[in-house]
Amino acid sequence: MIRQGQIMNDDGTRDFPSGQESHGGGGDGQERPAKAMPRPGRVNGRNSTKRSGGHSIHKRLHNEIISILQANRDKAAKKEKKVGARTMEIRKTDVLGFFSDLMFLGCRLESVYNLKQKHLVAVFNHLEAGGQATSTIAGKISTMRTFCGWIGKDGMVRESHHYVKDPASVKRTMVAQSDKSWDAHGVDPMKILADIRAIRNGREERVAVWVEMCWAFGLRREETVEMRPGVGDNGDVLFVIDGTKGKRARNIPIRNELQRAVLEKAKRVADKKTGYMCKRGLTVKQNVDHFKYILVKVGITEADQGVTLHGLRHKYAQAQHLLMTGVEAPIKGGDISILSKNEYRLASIKVMETLGHSRASIGASYYGSRQGVRRQKDNGVQENTQEINGYKREVGEVE
């Protein structure tokens, strides 16, 4: 009897023999305790019941996987650039989870170089049947596509729609479908700052300034936590490198009094010994976790107010778009047809550089596509109607 996910070879033999699972270890046939499982997939904002990574991988295969991950640790999938720590961690979790799921399905895979198309189909069908969100599965497919390129199987992983029942569900776009900025959802930064400062009788000033730095300079969460304002202040620009993705440094122009006032406040909050804005005695992760905790406490979640901290970065990008082009962002109804394609591309490059991105096309995820968005008369939903700055792309979430 073949269990769900088992594969029948052409010669009639089973690659996943019934009743036999490879849990690895010392060869004594005993199953080792499962390691701590990573976060599950998301379904409509909630955790799905299916978790990957709950079954051990035999030692030889595990060591082979780790060796390959280490060798390609910070390599980008296509370009000659480095990826950030978060991307590296996601890759490790996804790849180990994939092979762990193969173990759960009873696969006898001895080496990653024996990986075949049927294994990919089995695992991703298994994840879909287990209730993982298609967007989560699409991300894992993308990770395995990169991994297979590292082991000389470039091109083996097909497009995401080949591995799920609903092809449309895994089609991903970088064009903003709705405005994620705080003002679009009626969230007042000043009120949020007041709420944060009211916590613990004003002892969360550091967190309040972190939020202000994200608001004034469009920083990512890790960038503001790891910021050294005294070092970064170069007069007319703020130099940012700590906490950036792939350690890609950038200069953010200081153009107004708000930015200058926030930066001076950050200098006062920063640790007098180290110069960092993160609290001494805690790791960066602990500082970031505390940041998240306070934001949840004041309602900055999609569930409570429909926004996240990243919405301040969207607002900054939209403000820079207006400054550089003289026109409101397409996601806010701006009509930029008066600009030529080249003019708009050059303006988008400048905006993206201040946010730490190298491609103009990424701007569409913050302020909509070059061609704009049209509002549906029936339900008011925004959807993109054209290409992204003249290019068709299929990518994931942008940070």
Protein backbone atom coordinates (compact mmCIF):
# COMPACT_ATOMS: atom_id res chain seq x y z
CA MET A 1 0.00 0.00 0.00
CA ILE A 2 1.51 3.29 -1.09
CA ARG A 3 1.13 6.22 1.30
CA GLN A 4 0.40 9.75 0.13
CA GLY A 5 3.57 11.24 -1.35
CA GLN A 6 5.22 7.92 -2.24
CA ILE A 7 6.64 7.60 -5.74
CA MET A 8 6.28 4.68 -8.10
CA ASN A 9 9.27 4.11 -10.38
CA ASP A 10 8.85 3.18 -14.02
CA ASP A 11 9.82 -0.42 -13.28
CA GLY A 12 7.05 -0.77 -10.71
CA THR A 13 9.29 -0.54 -7.65
CA ARG A 14 8.63 1.99 -4.95
CA ASP A 15 11.21 4.64 -4.24
CA PHE A 16 9.47 5.26 -0.92
CA PRO A 17 9.03 1.74 0.53
CA SER A 18 6.02 1.20 2.77
CA GLY A 19 6.78 1.10 6.47
CA GLN A 20 10.40 2.16 5.99
CA GLU A 21 11.45 5.71 6.91
CA SER A 22 15.00 7.03 6.93
CA HIS A 23 15.42 8.97 10.15
CA GLY A 24 19.18 8.74 10.19
CA GLY A 25 21.48 8.46 13.15
CA GLY A 26 23.73 5.72 14.30
CA GLY A 27 22.37 2.88 12.20
CA ASP A 28 20.66 1.17 15.15
CA GLY A 29 17.24 1.53 13.57
CA GLN A 30 15.95 3.71 16.38
CA GLU A 31 14.34 7.02 15.64
CA ARG A 32 16.03 10.02 17.16
CA PRO A 33 14.02 12.81 18.80
CA ALA A 34 12.87 15.39 16.31
CA LYS A 35 14.65 18.72 16.37
CA ALA A 36 12.82 21.96 17.11
CA MET A 37 10.57 22.70 14.17
CA PRO A 38 10.71 25.97 12.25
CA ARG A 39 7.74 28.27 11.89
CA PRO A 40 4.95 26.77 9.80
CA GLY A 41 3.41 28.19 6.68
CA ARG A 42 0.78 30.89 6.79
CA VAL A 43 -2.82 30.52 5.69
CA ASN A 44 -4.89 33.71 5.69
CA GLY A 45 -2.67 35.19 8.38
CA ARG A 46 -2.78 32.10 10.60
CA ASN A 47 -0.37 29.26 11.11
CA SER A 48 -1.18 26.15 9.10
CA THR A 49 -1.12 22.76 10.76
CA LYS A 50 1.63 21.50 8.45
CA ARG A 51 5.19 22.08 9.68
CA SER A 52 8.35 21.12 7.82
CA GLY A 53 11.52 19.90 9.49
CA GLY A 54 10.13 17.48 12.06
CA HIS A 55 12.04 14.41 10.92
CA SER A 56 15.77 13.75 11.14
CA ILE A 57 17.99 13.55 8.10
CA HIS A 58 20.64 10.84 8.07
CA LYS A 59 24.11 12.09 8.94
CA ARG A 60 25.75 11.77 5.54
CA LEU A 61 22.99 13.64 3.73
CA HIS A 62 22.73 16.29 6.46
CA ASN A 63 26.48 16.98 6.33
CA GLU A 64 26.36 17.20 2.55
CA ILE A 65 23.53 19.75 2.68
CA ILE A 66 25.28 21.89 5.30
CA SER A 67 28.52 21.81 3.30
CA ILE A 68 26.74 23.06 0.16
CA LEU A 69 24.90 25.78 2.09
CA GLN A 70 28.16 26.96 3.66
CA ALA A 71 29.97 27.03 0.32
CA ASN A 72 27.23 29.18 -1.25
CA ARG A 73 26.24 30.91 1.97
CA ASP A 74 25.87 34.52 0.86
CA LYS A 75 25.62 34.14 -2.91
CA ALA A 76 22.67 35.73 -4.66
CA ALA A 77 20.62 33.51 -6.94
CA LYS A 78 21.50 35.32 -10.15
CA LYS A 79 23.64 38.41 -9.59
CA GLU A 80 27.16 38.88 -8.32
CA LYS A 81 26.17 40.27 -4.96
CA LYS A 82 25.77 39.08 -1.39
CA VAL A 83 22.49 38.27 0.34
CA GLY A 84 21.63 39.23 3.90
CA ALA A 85 21.61 37.13 7.06
CA ARG A 86 17.82 36.72 6.96
CA THR A 87 17.94 35.28 3.44
CA MET A 88 20.69 32.87 4.44
CA GLU A 89 18.65 31.66 7.42
CA ILE A 90 15.53 31.21 5.29
CA ARG A 91 17.52 29.18 2.76
CA LYS A 92 18.88 26.90 5.45
CA THR A 93 15.44 26.37 7.00
CA ASP A 94 13.77 25.71 3.63
CA VAL A 95 16.40 23.29 2.33
CA LEU A 96 16.68 21.27 5.53
CA GLY A 97 12.89 21.27 5.80
CA PHE A 98 12.58 19.95 2.25
CA PHE A 99 14.89 17.00 2.86
CA SER A 100 13.29 16.38 6.25
CA ASP A 101 9.94 16.07 4.50
CA LEU A 102 11.50 13.57 2.11
CA MET A 103 12.51 11.53 5.15
CA PHE A 104 8.95 11.75 6.45
CA LEU A 105 7.67 10.41 3.14
CA GLY A 106 10.07 7.47 3.41
CA CYS A 107 12.57 8.47 0.74
CA ARG A 108 15.89 6.57 0.63
CA LEU A 109 17.85 9.46 -0.91
CA GLU A 110 21.54 8.92 -0.19
CA SER A 111 22.91 12.14 -1.68
CA VAL A 112 21.59 15.52 -2.78
CA TYR A 113 23.01 14.72 -6.22
CA ASN A 114 20.39 11.94 -6.53
CA LEU A 115 17.59 14.50 -6.25
CA LYS A 116 15.02 14.14 -9.05
CA GLN A 117 11.92 15.86 -10.29
CA LYS A 118 9.68 13.26 -8.66
CA HIS A 119 11.07 14.18 -5.24
CA LEU A 120 10.19 17.83 -5.77
CA VAL A 121 6.67 16.93 -6.87
CA ALA A 122 6.16 14.63 -3.89
CA VAL A 123 7.27 17.15 -1.26
CA PHE A 124 5.45 20.17 -2.64
CA ASN A 125 2.24 18.19 -3.19
CA HIS A 126 2.61 16.93 0.36
CA LEU A 127 2.96 20.49 1.70
CA GLU A 128 -0.07 21.66 -0.25
CA ALA A 129 -2.14 18.72 1.02
CA GLY A 130 -0.97 19.56 4.54
CA GLY A 131 -2.43 23.04 4.32
CA GLN A 132 0.63 25.24 3.79
CA ALA A 133 -0.16 28.51 2.06
CA THR A 134 0.67 28.52 -1.64
CA SER A 135 2.74 31.69 -1.15
CA THR A 136 4.87 29.81 1.41
CA ILE A 137 5.25 26.86 -0.97
CA ALA A 138 6.22 29.24 -3.78
CA GLY A 139 8.98 30.66 -1.60
CA LYS A 140 10.30 27.17 -0.85
CA ILE A 141 10.22 26.28 -4.54
CA SER A 142 12.30 29.37 -5.24
CA THR A 143 14.82 28.35 -2.57
CA MET A 144 15.11 24.84 -3.99
CA ARG A 145 15.59 26.31 -7.47
CA THR A 146 18.63 28.19 -6.17
CA PHE A 147 19.90 25.15 -4.26
CA CYS A 148 19.60 22.88 -7.30
CA GLY A 149 21.66 25.38 -9.28
CA TRP A 150 24.42 24.97 -6.69
CA ILE A 151 24.49 21.18 -7.15
CA GLY A 152 24.68 21.29 -10.94
CA LYS A 153 20.96 20.76 -11.56
CA ASP A 154 20.19 24.22 -12.84
CA GLY A 155 16.85 24.25 -14.63
CA MET A 156 15.51 21.13 -12.93
CA VAL A 157 13.07 23.05 -10.72
CA ARG A 158 10.23 24.21 -12.92
CA GLU A 159 7.93 27.19 -12.45
CA SER A 160 5.90 27.13 -9.23
CA HIS A 161 2.56 26.43 -10.90
CA HIS A 162 3.76 22.95 -11.90
CA TYR A 163 3.79 21.86 -8.25
CA VAL A 164 0.36 23.04 -7.02
CA LYS A 165 -3.24 22.43 -8.00
CA ASP A 166 -4.11 26.12 -8.41
CA PRO A 167 -1.46 27.72 -10.69
CA ALA A 168 -2.86 31.24 -10.18
CA SER A 169 -2.29 31.01 -6.44
CA VAL A 170 1.51 30.98 -6.76
CA LYS A 171 1.84 33.77 -9.32
CA ARG A 172 3.75 36.48 -7.52
CA THR A 173 4.24 40.12 -8.40
CA MET A 174 6.30 42.98 -7.03
CA VAL A 175 3.75 45.62 -8.02
CA ALA A 176 1.98 47.10 -5.01
CA GLN A 177 -1.66 46.05 -5.14
CA SER A 178 -2.63 48.34 -2.25
CA ASP A 179 -1.12 51.25 -0.37
CA LYS A 180 0.70 49.90 2.70
CA SER A 181 1.74 53.27 4.11
CA TRP A 182 0.46 54.33 7.54
CA ASP A 183 -1.39 57.38 6.28
CA ALA A 184 -3.35 55.28 3.81
CA HIS A 185 -4.76 53.36 6.79
CA GLY A 186 -5.36 56.41 8.96
CA VAL A 187 -2.52 55.61 11.36
CA ASP A 188 -0.98 58.74 12.90
CA PRO A 189 2.75 58.33 13.68
CA MET A 190 2.59 61.05 16.34
CA LYS A 191 -0.10 59.16 18.25
CA ILE A 192 1.84 55.90 18.02
CA LEU A 193 4.95 57.65 19.32
CA ALA A 194 2.97 59.09 22.23
CA ASP A 195 1.59 55.64 23.04
CA ILE A 196 5.09 54.14 23.05
CA ARG A 197 6.45 56.88 25.30
CA ALA A 198 3.58 56.30 27.72
CA ILE A 199 4.65 52.68 28.27
CA ARG A 200 6.52 52.04 31.52
CA ASN A 201 6.47 55.73 32.44
CA GLY A 202 8.56 56.83 29.49
CA ARG A 203 11.21 54.14 29.69
CA GLU A 204 10.70 53.09 26.06
CA GLU A 205 12.18 56.27 24.56
CA ARG A 206 14.72 54.19 22.67
CA VAL A 207 11.93 52.33 20.85
CA ALA A 208 10.13 55.59 20.09
CA VAL A 209 13.29 56.98 18.46
CA TRP A 210 13.71 53.76 16.49
CA VAL A 211 10.26 54.37 15.02
CA GLU A 212 11.12 58.00 14.29
CA MET A 213 14.27 56.95 12.43
CA CYS A 214 12.21 54.59 10.25
CA TRP A 215 9.74 57.41 9.63
CA ALA A 216 12.29 60.11 8.80
CA PHE A 217 14.81 58.05 6.82
CA GLY A 218 12.90 55.01 5.52
CA LEU A 219 15.16 52.60 7.42
CA ARG A 220 14.54 48.90 7.82
CA ARG A 221 13.94 47.61 11.35
CA GLU A 222 17.41 46.07 11.74
CA GLU A 223 19.06 49.17 10.29
CA THR A 224 17.61 51.49 12.90
CA VAL A 225 18.37 49.09 15.75
CA GLU A 226 22.02 48.75 14.68
CA MET A 227 22.44 52.40 13.72
CA ARG A 228 25.35 54.47 15.07
CA PRO A 229 23.95 57.98 14.50
CA GLY A 230 27.10 59.74 15.64
CA VAL A 231 29.14 57.87 13.03
CA GLY A 232 26.49 57.96 10.30
CA ASP A 233 25.87 61.72 10.47
CA ASN A 234 27.94 63.19 7.66
CA GLY A 235 26.30 66.60 7.61
CA ASP A 236 24.05 66.53 4.56
CA VAL A 237 23.71 62.73 4.41
CA LEU A 238 23.18 59.82 6.80
CA PHE A 239 25.58 56.94 6.13
CA VAL A 240 23.97 53.52 6.68
CA ILE A 241 25.73 50.15 6.65
CA ASP A 242 25.06 48.24 9.90
CA GLY A 243 21.97 46.07 9.65
CA THR A 244 21.64 46.49 5.88
CA LYS A 245 20.90 43.57 3.58
CA GLY A 246 24.18 42.09 2.39
CA LYS A 247 26.10 44.93 4.13
CA ARG A 248 25.33 47.22 1.19
CA ALA A 249 26.19 50.74 2.35
CA ARG A 250 24.23 53.80 1.24
CA ASN A 251 23.89 57.53 1.89
CA ILE A 252 20.47 58.97 2.69
CA PRO A 253 20.11 62.72 2.03
CA ILE A 254 19.17 64.90 5.03
CA ARG A 255 16.77 67.35 3.42
CA ASN A 256 14.55 68.77 6.15
CA GLU A 257 14.36 69.87 9.77
CA LEU A 258 12.42 66.77 10.83
CA GLN A 259 15.25 64.49 9.73
CA ARG A 260 17.85 66.65 11.48
CA ALA A 261 15.80 66.78 14.72
CA VAL A 262 15.26 63.00 14.73
CA LEU A 263 18.94 62.34 14.07
CA GLU A 264 20.00 64.59 16.97
CA LYS A 265 17.53 62.76 19.19
CA ALA A 266 19.00 59.45 18.08
CA LYS A 267 22.47 60.62 19.09
CA ARG A 268 21.20 61.36 22.60
CA VAL A 269 19.57 57.94 22.89
CA ALA A 270 22.55 56.01 21.50
CA ASP A 271 24.81 54.17 23.92
CA LYS A 272 27.52 56.58 25.09
CA LYS A 273 30.19 53.87 25.03
CA THR A 274 29.46 51.94 21.83
CA GLY A 275 27.59 54.58 19.84
CA TYR A 276 24.93 52.06 18.81
CA MET A 277 21.21 52.63 19.27
CA CYS A 278 20.63 49.08 20.44
CA LYS A 279 20.63 48.46 24.18
CA ARG A 280 23.96 47.23 25.50
CA GLY A 281 23.85 43.82 27.21
CA LEU A 282 21.31 42.45 24.73
CA THR A 283 21.96 40.83 21.38
CA VAL A 284 20.72 42.45 18.19
CA LYS A 285 18.01 39.79 17.98
CA GLN A 286 16.88 40.53 21.53
CA ASN A 287 16.71 44.25 20.71
CA VAL A 288 14.73 43.51 17.55
CA ASP A 289 12.37 41.20 19.44
CA HIS A 290 11.75 43.91 22.03
CA PHE A 291 11.07 46.35 19.20
CA LYS A 292 8.49 43.95 17.77
CA TYR A 293 6.90 43.44 21.19
CA ILE A 294 6.38 47.17 21.79
CA LEU A 295 4.93 47.66 18.31
CA VAL A 296 2.42 44.89 18.93
CA LYS A 297 1.59 46.50 22.26
CA VAL A 298 0.61 49.77 20.55
CA GLY A 299 -1.32 48.01 17.78
CA ILE A 300 1.11 48.18 14.87
CA THR A 301 0.07 44.90 13.28
CA GLU A 302 -1.90 44.04 10.16
CA ALA A 303 -4.56 42.48 12.36
CA ASP A 304 -5.07 45.57 14.54
CA GLN A 305 -4.56 48.55 12.24
CA GLY A 306 -3.73 47.02 8.87
CA VAL A 307 -0.11 48.18 8.91
CA THR A 308 3.36 47.08 9.98
CA LEU A 309 6.51 49.07 10.71
CA HIS A 310 7.45 48.55 7.05
CA GLY A 311 4.59 50.89 6.16
CA LEU A 312 6.78 53.83 7.23
CA ARG A 313 9.29 52.74 4.61
CA HIS A 314 6.52 52.73 2.02
CA LYS A 315 5.53 56.26 3.05
CA TYR A 316 9.14 57.44 2.79
CA ALA A 317 9.45 55.94 -0.71
CA GLN A 318 6.21 57.61 -1.80
CA ALA A 319 7.38 60.98 -0.44
CA GLN A 320 10.69 60.62 -2.30
CA HIS A 321 8.75 59.71 -5.44
CA LEU A 322 6.85 62.99 -5.20
CA LEU A 323 10.07 64.91 -4.58
CA MET A 324 11.93 63.35 -7.51
CA THR A 325 9.12 63.38 -10.08
CA GLY A 326 6.82 66.16 -8.92
CA VAL A 327 3.91 63.72 -9.15
CA GLU A 328 2.17 61.64 -6.48
CA ALA A 329 2.92 57.92 -6.45
CA PRO A 330 0.73 55.82 -8.79
CA ILE A 331 -0.59 53.87 -5.78
CA LYS A 332 -1.97 57.18 -4.48
CA GLY A 333 -3.59 57.98 -7.81
CA GLY A 334 -0.75 59.99 -9.34
CA ASP A 335 -0.67 60.26 -13.12
CA ILE A 336 2.93 60.10 -14.30
CA SER A 337 2.18 59.82 -18.01
CA ILE A 338 3.68 63.31 -18.40
CA LEU A 339 7.11 61.76 -17.76
CA SER A 340 9.00 59.79 -20.35
CA LYS A 341 9.96 56.22 -19.55
CA ASN A 342 13.63 57.18 -19.23
CA GLU A 343 12.91 60.16 -16.97
CA TYR A 344 10.81 58.02 -14.68
CA ARG A 345 13.41 55.25 -14.61
CA LEU A 346 16.18 57.66 -13.60
CA ALA A 347 13.99 59.15 -10.85
CA SER A 348 13.11 55.66 -9.59
CA ILE A 349 16.79 54.69 -9.46
CA LYS A 350 17.52 57.68 -7.20
CA VAL A 351 14.62 56.81 -4.90
CA MET A 352 15.64 53.15 -4.69
CA GLU A 353 19.24 54.06 -3.91
CA THR A 354 18.10 55.90 -0.78
CA LEU A 355 16.23 52.73 0.25
CA GLY A 356 19.17 50.40 -0.37
CA HIS A 357 17.98 48.81 -3.63
CA SER A 358 19.82 48.70 -6.93
CA ARG A 359 16.95 48.21 -9.38
CA ALA A 360 14.44 50.84 -10.40
CA SER A 361 11.78 48.18 -10.96
CA ILE A 362 11.62 47.42 -7.22
CA GLY A 363 10.03 50.83 -6.73
CA ALA A 364 6.76 49.41 -8.01
CA SER A 365 6.39 47.42 -4.79
CA TYR A 366 6.37 50.67 -2.81
CA TYR A 367 4.47 53.13 -4.97
CA GLY A 368 2.86 51.19 -7.80
CA SER A 369 3.78 50.55 -11.42
CA ARG A 370 4.95 53.08 -13.97
CA GLN A 371 1.70 52.74 -15.87
CA GLY A 372 -0.23 53.32 -12.68
CA VAL A 373 -3.11 51.40 -11.18
CA ARG A 374 -6.75 51.55 -12.00
CA ARG A 375 -9.48 51.35 -9.41
CA GLN A 376 -12.20 48.81 -9.99
CA LYS A 377 -15.61 50.51 -9.98
CA ASP A 378 -17.33 47.47 -8.56
CA ASN A 379 -15.39 47.01 -5.34
CA GLY A 380 -12.70 49.69 -5.24
CA VAL A 381 -9.88 47.14 -5.28
CA GLN A 382 -6.58 48.37 -6.75
CA GLU A 383 -4.83 46.21 -9.28
CA ASN A 384 -1.96 46.81 -11.62
CA THR A 385 -2.90 46.94 -15.27
CA GLN A 386 0.47 47.14 -16.94
CA GLU A 387 4.03 45.98 -16.65
CA ILE A 388 6.49 47.12 -13.98
CA ASN A 389 8.42 50.07 -15.38
CA GLY A 390 8.21 48.38 -18.74
CA TYR A 391 9.45 44.99 -17.52
CA LYS A 392 7.58 41.81 -16.76
CA ARG A 393 8.85 40.13 -13.61
CA GLU A 394 7.90 37.35 -11.22
CA VAL A 395 9.48 37.99 -7.83
CA GLY A 396 8.79 37.78 -4.13
CA GLU A 397 8.35 40.25 -1.30
CA VAL A 398 10.66 43.22 -1.16
CA GLU A 399 12.25 44.51 2.03
